[in-house]
Amino acid sequence: MPHFDLNAIEQRVLGALIEKEMATPEYYPLSLNALVNASNQKNNREPVMQLVETDVLNAIEIMRHKGVTYEHSGREHRVPKYSQGLGQKTESQQQRPRDPQRPPLPGPTNSR
């Protein structure tokens, strides 16, 4: 698994993106306003933070350069929206081509 050095604000923003992607996929990716609110949520957060838009935007920008978050904009979005790509990044890194000289590992079969 790749290693990313993230400060406390970046961790909170990334955590909010991951949580909202899983909990409310119908509202994902998130607008900046929704991401600020999710990051400042008081339930199940330790420590509670009071982030402002510039804090969240700076964290998003830093993580974009690390390939961890993405901005979505264009005709289909009235405002820019943000998503995390950590799962996609680790999945693509794990999907390396199989060595043709090495036989596949045995596993369960569907035949009876």
PDB file of N, CA and C in Angstrom:
ATOM      1  N   MET A   1       0.841  -1.169   0.000  1.00  0.00           N
ATOM      2  CA  MET A   1       0.000   0.000   0.000  1.00  0.00           C
ATOM      3  C   MET A   1       0.892   1.240   0.000  1.00  0.00           C
ATOM      4  N   PRO A   2       0.551   2.244  -0.793  1.00  0.00           N
ATOM      5  CA  PRO A   2       1.383   3.439  -0.856  1.00  0.00           C
ATOM      6  C   PRO A   2       1.326   4.212   0.454  1.00  0.00           C
ATOM      7  N   HIS A   3       2.377   4.973   0.707  1.00  0.00           N
ATOM      8  CA  HIS A   3       2.459   5.771   1.920  1.00  0.00           C
ATOM      9  C   HIS A   3       2.333   7.240   1.543  1.00  0.00           C
ATOM     10  N   PHE A   4       1.449   7.954   2.232  1.00  0.00           N
ATOM     11  CA  PHE A   4       1.253   9.373   1.994  1.00  0.00           C
ATOM     12  C   PHE A   4       1.447  10.110   3.304  1.00  0.00           C
ATOM     13  N   ASP A   5       2.245  11.166   3.293  1.00  0.00           N
ATOM     14  CA  ASP A   5       2.373  12.030   4.456  1.00  0.00           C
ATOM     15  C   ASP A   5       1.305  13.093   4.358  1.00  0.00           C
ATOM     16  N   LEU A   6       0.330  13.041   5.255  1.00  0.00           N
ATOM     17  CA  LEU A   6      -0.770  13.999   5.262  1.00  0.00           C
ATOM     18  C   LEU A   6      -0.823  14.683   6.617  1.00  0.00           C
ATOM     19  N   ASN A   7      -1.022  16.009   6.607  1.00  0.00           N
ATOM     20  CA  ASN A   7      -1.174  16.709   7.877  1.00  0.00           C
ATOM     21  C   ASN A   7      -2.595  16.481   8.403  1.00  0.00           C
ATOM     22  N   ALA A   8      -2.896  17.039   9.566  1.00  0.00           N
ATOM     23  CA  ALA A   8      -4.188  16.794  10.222  1.00  0.00           C
ATOM     24  C   ALA A   8      -5.365  17.273   9.377  1.00  0.00           C
ATOM     25  N   ILE A   9      -5.220  18.403   8.724  1.00  0.00           N
ATOM     26  CA  ILE A   9      -6.320  18.921   7.894  1.00  0.00           C
ATOM     27  C   ILE A   9      -6.518  18.031   6.672  1.00  0.00           C
ATOM     28  N   GLU A  10      -5.440  17.633   6.028  1.00  0.00           N
ATOM     29  CA  GLU A  10      -5.547  16.748   4.869  1.00  0.00           C
ATOM     30  C   GLU A  10      -6.176  15.414   5.261  1.00  0.00           C
ATOM     31  N   GLN A  11      -5.786  14.884   6.422  1.00  0.00           N
ATOM     32  CA  GLN A  11      -6.378  13.635   6.895  1.00  0.00           C
ATOM     33  C   GLN A  11      -7.876  13.787   7.111  1.00  0.00           C
ATOM     34  N   ARG A  12      -8.272  14.902   7.698  1.00  0.00           N
ATOM     35  CA  ARG A  12      -9.701  15.122   7.962  1.00  0.00           C
ATOM     36  C   ARG A  12     -10.481  15.237   6.660  1.00  0.00           C
ATOM     37  N   VAL A  13      -9.965  15.993   5.700  1.00  0.00           N
ATOM     38  CA  VAL A  13     -10.655  16.180   4.421  1.00  0.00           C
ATOM     39  C   VAL A  13     -10.745  14.847   3.676  1.00  0.00           C
ATOM     40  N   LEU A  14      -9.651  14.109   3.631  1.00  0.00           N
ATOM     41  CA  LEU A  14      -9.661  12.805   2.961  1.00  0.00           C
ATOM     42  C   LEU A  14     -10.625  11.854   3.663  1.00  0.00           C
ATOM     43  N   GLY A  15     -10.603  11.846   4.974  1.00  0.00           N
ATOM     44  CA  GLY A  15     -11.521  10.993   5.729  1.00  0.00           C
ATOM     45  C   GLY A  15     -12.972  11.342   5.463  1.00  0.00           C
ATOM     46  N   ALA A  16     -13.270  12.648   5.367  1.00  0.00           N
ATOM     47  CA  ALA A  16     -14.643  13.080   5.075  1.00  0.00           C
ATOM     48  C   ALA A  16     -15.059  12.619   3.682  1.00  0.00           C
ATOM     49  N   LEU A  17     -14.157  12.714   2.705  1.00  0.00           N
ATOM     50  CA  LEU A  17     -14.475  12.255   1.347  1.00  0.00           C
ATOM     51  C   LEU A  17     -14.747  10.752   1.324  1.00  0.00           C
ATOM     52  N   ILE A  18     -13.907   9.991   2.003  1.00  0.00           N
ATOM     53  CA  ILE A  18     -14.089   8.534   2.025  1.00  0.00           C
ATOM     54  C   ILE A  18     -15.402   8.176   2.710  1.00  0.00           C
ATOM     55  N   GLU A  19     -15.664   8.802   3.859  1.00  0.00           N
ATOM     56  CA  GLU A  19     -16.891   8.504   4.601  1.00  0.00           C
ATOM     57  C   GLU A  19     -18.136   8.845   3.782  1.00  0.00           C
ATOM     58  N   LYS A  20     -18.156  10.025   3.167  1.00  0.00           N
ATOM     59  CA  LYS A  20     -19.350  10.443   2.424  1.00  0.00           C
ATOM     60  C   LYS A  20     -19.526   9.620   1.155  1.00  0.00           C
ATOM     61  N   GLU A  21     -18.442   9.169   0.550  1.00  0.00           N
ATOM     62  CA  GLU A  21     -18.554   8.307  -0.630  1.00  0.00           C
ATOM     63  C   GLU A  21     -19.262   7.005  -0.255  1.00  0.00           C
ATOM     64  N   MET A  22     -18.943   6.479   0.924  1.00  0.00           N
ATOM     65  CA  MET A  22     -19.541   5.217   1.358  1.00  0.00           C
ATOM     66  C   MET A  22     -20.946   5.424   1.929  1.00  0.00           C
ATOM     67  N   ALA A  23     -21.134   6.491   2.716  1.00  0.00           N
ATOM     68  CA  ALA A  23     -22.401   6.686   3.428  1.00  0.00           C
ATOM     69  C   ALA A  23     -23.492   7.299   2.554  1.00  0.00           C
ATOM     70  N   THR A  24     -23.120   8.208   1.662  1.00  0.00           N
ATOM     71  CA  THR A  24     -24.118   8.897   0.830  1.00  0.00           C
ATOM     72  C   THR A  24     -23.622   9.000  -0.617  1.00  0.00           C
ATOM     73  N   PRO A  25     -23.510   7.869  -1.292  1.00  0.00           N
ATOM     74  CA  PRO A  25     -22.972   7.893  -2.658  1.00  0.00           C
ATOM     75  C   PRO A  25     -23.812   8.718  -3.628  1.00  0.00           C
ATOM     76  N   GLU A  26     -25.107   8.905  -3.315  1.00  0.00           N
ATOM     77  CA  GLU A  26     -25.961   9.694  -4.212  1.00  0.00           C
ATOM     78  C   GLU A  26     -25.573  11.175  -4.223  1.00  0.00           C
ATOM     79  N   TYR A  27     -24.835  11.636  -3.210  1.00  0.00           N
ATOM     80  CA  TYR A  27     -24.407  13.041  -3.142  1.00  0.00           C
ATOM     81  C   TYR A  27     -22.918  13.200  -3.399  1.00  0.00           C
ATOM     82  N   TYR A  28     -22.294  12.176  -3.904  1.00  0.00           N
ATOM     83  CA  TYR A  28     -20.845  12.151  -4.115  1.00  0.00           C
ATOM     84  C   TYR A  28     -20.538  12.249  -5.594  1.00  0.00           C
ATOM     85  N   PRO A  29     -19.524  12.975  -6.033  1.00  0.00           N
ATOM     86  CA  PRO A  29     -18.539  13.762  -5.323  1.00  0.00           C
ATOM     87  C   PRO A  29     -19.159  14.984  -4.633  1.00  0.00           C
ATOM     88  N   LEU A  30     -18.396  15.602  -3.727  1.00  0.00           N
ATOM     89  CA  LEU A  30     -18.912  16.674  -2.883  1.00  0.00           C
ATOM     90  C   LEU A  30     -18.515  18.052  -3.386  1.00  0.00           C
ATOM     91  N   SER A  31     -19.440  19.004  -3.220  1.00  0.00           N
ATOM     92  CA  SER A  31     -19.112  20.406  -3.476  1.00  0.00           C
ATOM     93  C   SER A  31     -18.208  20.899  -2.354  1.00  0.00           C
ATOM     94  N   LEU A  32     -17.590  22.049  -2.542  1.00  0.00           N
ATOM     95  CA  LEU A  32     -16.729  22.609  -1.511  1.00  0.00           C
ATOM     96  C   LEU A  32     -17.516  22.844  -0.226  1.00  0.00           C
ATOM     97  N   ASN A  33     -18.714  23.403  -0.338  1.00  0.00           N
ATOM     98  CA  ASN A  33     -19.542  23.663   0.831  1.00  0.00           C
ATOM     99  C   ASN A  33     -19.854  22.364   1.581  1.00  0.00           C
ATOM    100  N   ALA A  34     -20.232  21.323   0.863  1.00  0.00           N
ATOM    101  CA  ALA A  34     -20.540  20.039   1.498  1.00  0.00           C
ATOM    102  C   ALA A  34     -19.293  19.435   2.140  1.00  0.00           C
ATOM    103  N   LEU A  35     -18.139  19.606   1.502  1.00  0.00           N
ATOM    104  CA  LEU A  35     -16.897  19.057   2.046  1.00  0.00           C
ATOM    105  C   LEU A  35     -16.463  19.807   3.306  1.00  0.00           C
ATOM    106  N   VAL A  36     -16.629  21.116   3.328  1.00  0.00           N
ATOM    107  CA  VAL A  36     -16.322  21.895   4.536  1.00  0.00           C
ATOM    108  C   VAL A  36     -17.235  21.435   5.673  1.00  0.00           C
ATOM    109  N   ASN A  37     -18.524  21.316   5.390  1.00  0.00           N
ATOM    110  CA  ASN A  37     -19.470  20.856   6.416  1.00  0.00           C
ATOM    111  C   ASN A  37     -19.130  19.455   6.916  1.00  0.00           C
ATOM    112  N   ALA A  38     -18.781  18.553   6.007  1.00  0.00           N
ATOM    113  CA  ALA A  38     -18.423  17.188   6.406  1.00  0.00           C
ATOM    114  C   ALA A  38     -17.153  17.182   7.257  1.00  0.00           C
ATOM    115  N   SER A  39     -16.199  18.026   6.913  1.00  0.00           N
ATOM    116  CA  SER A  39     -14.944  18.091   7.661  1.00  0.00           C
ATOM    117  C   SER A  39     -15.149  18.676   9.056  1.00  0.00           C
ATOM    118  N   ASN A  40     -16.120  19.580   9.199  1.00  0.00           N
ATOM    119  CA  ASN A  40     -16.400  20.228  10.482  1.00  0.00           C
ATOM    120  C   ASN A  40     -17.477  19.517  11.296  1.00  0.00           C
ATOM    121  N   GLN A  41     -17.986  18.412  10.778  1.00  0.00           N
ATOM    122  CA  GLN A  41     -19.038  17.670  11.474  1.00  0.00           C
ATOM    123  C   GLN A  41     -18.607  17.370  12.897  1.00  0.00           C
ATOM    124  N   LYS A  42     -19.510  17.531  13.832  1.00  0.00           N
ATOM    125  CA  LYS A  42     -19.182  17.336  15.250  1.00  0.00           C
ATOM    126  C   LYS A  42     -19.373  15.891  15.711  1.00  0.00           C
ATOM    127  N   ASN A  43     -20.264  15.145  15.074  1.00  0.00           N
ATOM    128  CA  ASN A  43     -20.498  13.745  15.452  1.00  0.00           C
ATOM    129  C   ASN A  43     -19.347  12.878  14.967  1.00  0.00           C
ATOM    130  N   ASN A  44     -18.877  12.010  15.819  1.00  0.00           N
ATOM    131  CA  ASN A  44     -17.841  11.028  15.471  1.00  0.00           C
ATOM    132  C   ASN A  44     -16.565  11.666  14.930  1.00  0.00           C
ATOM    133  N   ARG A  45     -16.192  12.812  15.452  1.00  0.00           N
ATOM    134  CA  ARG A  45     -14.959  13.480  15.034  1.00  0.00           C
ATOM    135  C   ARG A  45     -14.134  13.823  16.270  1.00  0.00           C
ATOM    136  N   GLU A  46     -12.871  13.452  16.230  1.00  0.00           N
ATOM    137  CA  GLU A  46     -11.964  13.798  17.307  1.00  0.00           C
ATOM    138  C   GLU A  46     -10.622  14.127  16.690  1.00  0.00           C
ATOM    139  N   PRO A  47     -10.123  15.302  16.796  1.00  0.00           N
ATOM    140  CA  PRO A  47     -10.737  16.455  17.450  1.00  0.00           C
ATOM    141  C   PRO A  47     -11.749  17.130  16.523  1.00  0.00           C
ATOM    142  N   VAL A  48     -12.668  17.879  17.097  1.00  0.00           N
ATOM    143  CA  VAL A  48     -13.594  18.683  16.314  1.00  0.00           C
ATOM    144  C   VAL A  48     -12.788  19.833  15.722  1.00  0.00           C
ATOM    145  N   MET A  49     -12.987  20.100  14.439  1.00  0.00           N
ATOM    146  CA  MET A  49     -12.250  21.176  13.760  1.00  0.00           C
ATOM    147  C   MET A  49     -13.218  22.240  13.277  1.00  0.00           C
ATOM    148  N   GLN A  50     -12.696  23.427  13.094  1.00  0.00           N
ATOM    149  CA  GLN A  50     -13.459  24.540  12.526  1.00  0.00           C
ATOM    150  C   GLN A  50     -12.732  25.019  11.277  1.00  0.00           C
ATOM    151  N   LEU A  51     -12.778  24.212  10.222  1.00  0.00           N
ATOM    152  CA  LEU A  51     -12.090  24.544   8.980  1.00  0.00           C
ATOM    153  C   LEU A  51     -12.915  25.536   8.164  1.00  0.00           C
ATOM    154  N   VAL A  52     -12.228  26.369   7.404  1.00  0.00           N
ATOM    155  CA  VAL A  52     -12.886  27.288   6.478  1.00  0.00           C
ATOM    156  C   VAL A  52     -12.561  26.831   5.059  1.00  0.00           C
ATOM    157  N   GLU A  53     -13.225  27.428   4.082  1.00  0.00           N
ATOM    158  CA  GLU A  53     -13.060  27.005   2.688  1.00  0.00           C
ATOM    159  C   GLU A  53     -11.603  26.996   2.250  1.00  0.00           C
ATOM    160  N   THR A  54     -10.830  28.012   2.631  1.00  0.00           N
ATOM    161  CA  THR A  54      -9.428  28.049   2.188  1.00  0.00           C
ATOM    162  C   THR A  54      -8.618  26.893   2.768  1.00  0.00           C
ATOM    163  N   ASP A  55      -8.919  26.481   4.014  1.00  0.00           N
ATOM    164  CA  ASP A  55      -8.238  25.314   4.598  1.00  0.00           C
ATOM    165  C   ASP A  55      -8.493  24.074   3.756  1.00  0.00           C
ATOM    166  N   VAL A  56      -9.758  23.867   3.414  1.00  0.00           N
ATOM    167  CA  VAL A  56     -10.150  22.673   2.659  1.00  0.00           C
ATOM    168  C   VAL A  56      -9.589  22.731   1.242  1.00  0.00           C
ATOM    169  N   LEU A  57      -9.660  23.894   0.600  1.00  0.00           N
ATOM    170  CA  LEU A  57      -9.114  24.033  -0.757  1.00  0.00           C
ATOM    171  C   LEU A  57      -7.610  23.788  -0.784  1.00  0.00           C
ATOM    172  N   ASN A  58      -6.880  24.306   0.198  1.00  0.00           N
ATOM    173  CA  ASN A  58      -5.433  24.062   0.261  1.00  0.00           C
ATOM    174  C   ASN A  58      -5.144  22.577   0.427  1.00  0.00           C
ATOM    175  N   ALA A  59      -5.896  21.904   1.303  1.00  0.00           N
ATOM    176  CA  ALA A  59      -5.705  20.462   1.506  1.00  0.00           C
ATOM    177  C   ALA A  59      -5.999  19.690   0.223  1.00  0.00           C
ATOM    178  N   ILE A  60      -7.091  20.059  -0.450  1.00  0.00           N
ATOM    179  CA  ILE A  60      -7.451  19.395  -1.718  1.00  0.00           C
ATOM    180  C   ILE A  60      -6.335  19.577  -2.747  1.00  0.00           C
ATOM    181  N   GLU A  61      -5.835  20.788  -2.855  1.00  0.00           N
ATOM    182  CA  GLU A  61      -4.796  21.071  -3.850  1.00  0.00           C
ATOM    183  C   GLU A  61      -3.530  20.255  -3.577  1.00  0.00           C
ATOM    184  N   ILE A  62      -3.108  20.200  -2.339  1.00  0.00           N
ATOM    185  CA  ILE A  62      -1.918  19.410  -1.981  1.00  0.00           C
ATOM    186  C   ILE A  62      -2.150  17.938  -2.297  1.00  0.00           C
ATOM    187  N   MET A  63      -3.323  17.434  -1.935  1.00  0.00           N
ATOM    188  CA  MET A  63      -3.608  16.017  -2.187  1.00  0.00           C
ATOM    189  C   MET A  63      -3.810  15.731  -3.672  1.00  0.00           C
ATOM    190  N   ARG A  64      -4.268  16.717  -4.444  1.00  0.00           N
ATOM    191  CA  ARG A  64      -4.360  16.529  -5.901  1.00  0.00           C
ATOM    192  C   ARG A  64      -2.982  16.277  -6.480  1.00  0.00           C
ATOM    193  N   HIS A  65      -1.984  17.019  -6.003  1.00  0.00           N
ATOM    194  CA  HIS A  65      -0.612  16.825  -6.487  1.00  0.00           C
ATOM    195  C   HIS A  65      -0.048  15.468  -6.085  1.00  0.00           C
ATOM    196  N   LYS A  66      -0.572  14.897  -5.012  1.00  0.00           N
ATOM    197  CA  LYS A  66      -0.148  13.571  -4.572  1.00  0.00           C
ATOM    198  C   LYS A  66      -0.964  12.474  -5.252  1.00  0.00           C
ATOM    199  N   GLY A  67      -1.969  12.859  -6.055  1.00  0.00           N
ATOM    200  CA  GLY A  67      -2.807  11.881  -6.751  1.00  0.00           C
ATOM    201  C   GLY A  67      -3.841  11.229  -5.869  1.00  0.00           C
ATOM    202  N   VAL A  68      -4.222  11.897  -4.765  1.00  0.00           N
ATOM    203  CA  VAL A  68      -5.147  11.304  -3.807  1.00  0.00           C
ATOM    204  C   VAL A  68      -6.563  11.846  -3.985  1.00  0.00           C
ATOM    205  N   THR A  69      -6.699  13.096  -4.433  1.00  0.00           N
ATOM    206  CA  THR A  69      -8.024  13.695  -4.636  1.00  0.00           C
ATOM    207  C   THR A  69      -8.139  14.251  -6.053  1.00  0.00           C
ATOM    208  N   TYR A  70      -9.392  14.449  -6.470  1.00  0.00           N
ATOM    209  CA  TYR A  70      -9.674  14.931  -7.821  1.00  0.00           C
ATOM    210  C   TYR A  70     -10.737  16.014  -7.786  1.00  0.00           C
ATOM    211  N   GLU A  71     -10.639  16.937  -8.734  1.00  0.00           N
ATOM    212  CA  GLU A  71     -11.662  17.970  -8.906  1.00  0.00           C
ATOM    213  C   GLU A  71     -12.448  17.636 -10.157  1.00  0.00           C
ATOM    214  N   HIS A  72     -13.769  17.749 -10.057  1.00  0.00           N
ATOM    215  CA  HIS A  72     -14.657  17.507 -11.184  1.00  0.00           C
ATOM    216  C   HIS A  72     -15.358  18.817 -11.511  1.00  0.00           C
ATOM    217  N   SER A  73     -15.223  19.259 -12.731  1.00  0.00           N
ATOM    218  CA  SER A  73     -15.927  20.471 -13.148  1.00  0.00           C
ATOM    219  C   SER A  73     -16.303  20.309 -14.610  1.00  0.00           C
ATOM    220  N   GLY A  74     -17.143  21.198 -15.064  1.00  0.00           N
ATOM    221  CA  GLY A  74     -17.593  21.120 -16.447  1.00  0.00           C
ATOM    222  C   GLY A  74     -19.084  21.291 -16.525  1.00  0.00           C
ATOM    223  N   ARG A  75     -19.609  21.000 -17.683  1.00  0.00           N
ATOM    224  CA  ARG A  75     -21.043  21.194 -17.927  1.00  0.00           C
ATOM    225  C   ARG A  75     -21.950  20.431 -16.978  1.00  0.00           C
ATOM    226  N   GLU A  76     -21.541  19.212 -16.616  1.00  0.00           N
ATOM    227  CA  GLU A  76     -22.412  18.384 -15.781  1.00  0.00           C
ATOM    228  C   GLU A  76     -22.423  18.826 -14.316  1.00  0.00           C
ATOM    229  N   HIS A  77     -21.540  19.744 -13.936  1.00  0.00           N
ATOM    230  CA  HIS A  77     -21.476  20.236 -12.556  1.00  0.00           C
ATOM    231  C   HIS A  77     -21.654  21.748 -12.539  1.00  0.00           C
ATOM    232  N   ARG A  78     -22.612  22.229 -11.746  1.00  0.00           N
ATOM    233  CA  ARG A  78     -22.799  23.680 -11.596  1.00  0.00           C
ATOM    234  C   ARG A  78     -21.630  24.302 -10.849  1.00  0.00           C
ATOM    235  N   VAL A  79     -21.095  23.575  -9.880  1.00  0.00           N
ATOM    236  CA  VAL A  79     -19.939  24.024  -9.101  1.00  0.00           C
ATOM    237  C   VAL A  79     -18.911  22.903  -9.116  1.00  0.00           C
ATOM    238  N   PRO A  80     -17.635  23.225  -8.904  1.00  0.00           N
ATOM    239  CA  PRO A  80     -16.643  22.142  -8.831  1.00  0.00           C
ATOM    240  C   PRO A  80     -16.978  21.184  -7.700  1.00  0.00           C
ATOM    241  N   LYS A  81     -16.689  19.917  -7.924  1.00  0.00           N
ATOM    242  CA  LYS A  81     -16.920  18.887  -6.911  1.00  0.00           C
ATOM    243  C   LYS A  81     -15.617  18.126  -6.719  1.00  0.00           C
ATOM    244  N   TYR A  82     -15.516  17.492  -5.567  1.00  0.00           N
ATOM    245  CA  TYR A  82     -14.260  16.854  -5.185  1.00  0.00           C
ATOM    246  C   TYR A  82     -14.492  15.405  -4.769  1.00  0.00           C
ATOM    247  N   SER A  83     -13.528  14.556  -5.136  1.00  0.00           N
ATOM    248  CA  SER A  83     -13.608  13.137  -4.786  1.00  0.00           C
ATOM    249  C   SER A  83     -12.222  12.655  -4.393  1.00  0.00           C
ATOM    250  N   GLN A  84     -12.195  11.510  -3.748  1.00  0.00           N
ATOM    251  CA  GLN A  84     -10.916  10.900  -3.388  1.00  0.00           C
ATOM    252  C   GLN A  84     -10.642   9.762  -4.349  1.00  0.00           C
ATOM    253  N   GLY A  85      -9.388   9.499  -4.589  1.00  0.00           N
ATOM    254  CA  GLY A  85      -9.017   8.431  -5.497  1.00  0.00           C
ATOM    255  C   GLY A  85      -8.081   7.434  -4.866  1.00  0.00           C
ATOM    256  N   LEU A  86      -8.061   7.401  -3.550  1.00  0.00           N
ATOM    257  CA  LEU A  86      -7.136   6.511  -2.866  1.00  0.00           C
ATOM    258  C   LEU A  86      -7.424   5.055  -3.187  1.00  0.00           C
ATOM    259  N   GLY A  87      -8.690   4.655  -3.174  1.00  0.00           N
ATOM    260  CA  GLY A  87      -9.043   3.271  -3.490  1.00  0.00           C
ATOM    261  C   GLY A  87      -8.677   2.905  -4.908  1.00  0.00           C
ATOM    262  N   GLN A  88      -8.942   3.813  -5.860  1.00  0.00           N
ATOM    263  CA  GLN A  88      -8.613   3.546  -7.255  1.00  0.00           C
ATOM    264  C   GLN A  88      -7.105   3.451  -7.436  1.00  0.00           C
ATOM    265  N   LYS A  89      -6.363   4.309  -6.741  1.00  0.00           N
ATOM    266  CA  LYS A  89      -4.914   4.294  -6.856  1.00  0.00           C
ATOM    267  C   LYS A  89      -4.345   2.976  -6.338  1.00  0.00           C
ATOM    268  N   THR A  90      -4.790   2.528  -5.178  1.00  0.00           N
ATOM    269  CA  THR A  90      -4.251   1.288  -4.630  1.00  0.00           C
ATOM    270  C   THR A  90      -4.714   0.082  -5.436  1.00  0.00           C
ATOM    271  N   GLU A  91      -5.954   0.096  -5.944  1.00  0.00           N
ATOM    272  CA  GLU A  91      -6.425  -1.014  -6.769  1.00  0.00           C
ATOM    273  C   GLU A  91      -5.608  -1.125  -8.038  1.00  0.00           C
ATOM    274  N   SER A  92      -5.325   0.006  -8.691  1.00  0.00           N
ATOM    275  CA  SER A  92      -4.569  -0.049  -9.943  1.00  0.00           C
ATOM    276  C   SER A  92      -3.135  -0.486  -9.687  1.00  0.00           C
ATOM    277  N   GLN A  93      -2.584  -0.108  -8.524  1.00  0.00           N
ATOM    278  CA  GLN A  93      -1.234  -0.547  -8.202  1.00  0.00           C
ATOM    279  C   GLN A  93      -1.202  -2.042  -7.909  1.00  0.00           C
ATOM    280  N   GLN A  94      -2.294  -2.591  -7.394  1.00  0.00           N
ATOM    281  CA  GLN A  94      -2.340  -4.014  -7.084  1.00  0.00           C
ATOM    282  C   GLN A  94      -2.595  -4.862  -8.325  1.00  0.00           C
ATOM    283  N   GLN A  95      -3.128  -4.278  -9.375  1.00  0.00           N
ATOM    284  CA  GLN A  95      -3.469  -5.027 -10.579  1.00  0.00           C
ATOM    285  C   GLN A  95      -2.290  -5.031 -11.541  1.00  0.00           C
ATOM    286  N   ARG A  96      -1.225  -5.668 -11.121  1.00  0.00           N
ATOM    287  CA  ARG A  96      -0.037  -5.776 -11.959  1.00  0.00           C
ATOM    288  C   ARG A  96      -0.207  -6.979 -12.879  1.00  0.00           C
ATOM    289  N   PRO A  97       0.401  -6.919 -14.061  1.00  0.00           N
ATOM    290  CA  PRO A  97       0.283  -8.063 -14.965  1.00  0.00           C
ATOM    291  C   PRO A  97       0.893  -9.313 -14.339  1.00  0.00           C
ATOM    292  N   ARG A  98       0.233 -10.435 -14.572  1.00  0.00           N
ATOM    293  CA  ARG A  98       0.709 -11.715 -14.049  1.00  0.00           C
ATOM    294  C   ARG A  98       1.893 -12.190 -14.877  1.00  0.00           C
ATOM    295  N   ASP A  99       2.876 -12.766 -14.207  1.00  0.00           N
ATOM    296  CA  ASP A  99       4.047 -13.329 -14.872  1.00  0.00           C
ATOM    297  C   ASP A  99       3.595 -14.565 -15.659  1.00  0.00           C
ATOM    298  N   PRO A 100       3.746 -14.572 -17.001  1.00  0.00           N
ATOM    299  CA  PRO A 100       3.266 -15.717 -17.790  1.00  0.00           C
ATOM    300  C   PRO A 100       4.013 -17.010 -17.477  1.00  0.00           C
ATOM    301  N   GLN A 101       5.205 -16.938 -16.879  1.00  0.00           N
ATOM    302  CA  GLN A 101       5.966 -18.128 -16.528  1.00  0.00           C
ATOM    303  C   GLN A 101       5.493 -18.748 -15.214  1.00  0.00           C
ATOM    304  N   ARG A 102       4.707 -18.000 -14.455  1.00  0.00           N
ATOM    305  CA  ARG A 102       4.243 -18.483 -13.153  1.00  0.00           C
ATOM    306  C   ARG A 102       2.787 -18.927 -13.273  1.00  0.00           C
ATOM    307  N   PRO A 103       2.471 -20.154 -12.891  1.00  0.00           N
ATOM    308  CA  PRO A 103       1.079 -20.616 -12.990  1.00  0.00           C
ATOM    309  C   PRO A 103       0.208 -19.876 -11.975  1.00  0.00           C
ATOM    310  N   PRO A 104      -1.085 -19.714 -12.273  1.00  0.00           N
ATOM    311  CA  PRO A 104      -1.966 -19.048 -11.322  1.00  0.00           C
ATOM    312  C   PRO A 104      -2.103 -19.853 -10.043  1.00  0.00           C
ATOM    313  N   LEU A 105      -2.357 -19.158  -8.946  1.00  0.00           N
ATOM    314  CA  LEU A 105      -2.545 -19.852  -7.677  1.00  0.00           C
ATOM    315  C   LEU A 105      -3.838 -20.641  -7.710  1.00  0.00           C
ATOM    316  N   PRO A 106      -3.850 -21.823  -7.106  1.00  0.00           N
ATOM    317  CA  PRO A 106      -5.091 -22.593  -7.082  1.00  0.00           C
ATOM    318  C   PRO A 106      -6.128 -21.890  -6.235  1.00  0.00           C
ATOM    319  N   GLY A 107      -7.356 -21.994  -6.630  1.00  0.00           N
ATOM    320  CA  GLY A 107      -8.449 -21.382  -5.886  1.00  0.00           C
ATOM    321  C   GLY A 107      -9.700 -22.198  -6.049  1.00  0.00           C
ATOM    322  N   PRO A 108     -10.793 -21.725  -5.493  1.00  0.00           N
ATOM    323  CA  PRO A 108     -12.043 -22.477  -5.617  1.00  0.00           C
ATOM    324  C   PRO A 108     -12.501 -22.541  -7.067  1.00  0.00           C
ATOM    325  N   THR A 109     -13.112 -23.623  -7.401  1.00  0.00           N
ATOM    326  CA  THR A 109     -13.632 -23.789  -8.746  1.00  0.00           C
ATOM    327  C   THR A 109     -15.160 -23.857  -8.693  1.00  0.00           C
ATOM    328  N   ASN A 110     -15.771 -23.580  -9.832  1.00  0.00           N
ATOM    329  CA  ASN A 110     -17.234 -23.608  -9.917  1.00  0.00           C
ATOM    330  C   ASN A 110     -17.760 -24.942 -10.398  1.00  0.00           C
ATOM    331  N   SER A 111     -16.865 -25.827 -10.794  1.00  0.00           N
ATOM    332  CA  SER A 111     -17.318 -27.119 -11.321  1.00  0.00           C
ATOM    333  C   SER A 111     -17.717 -28.035 -10.182  1.00  0.00           C
ATOM    334  N   ARG A 112     -18.680 -28.919 -10.458  1.00  0.00           N
ATOM    335  CA  ARG A 112     -19.153 -29.873  -9.435  1.00  0.00           C
ATOM    336  C   ARG A 112     -18.841 -31.262  -9.832  1.00  0.00           C
TER     337      ARG A 112
END
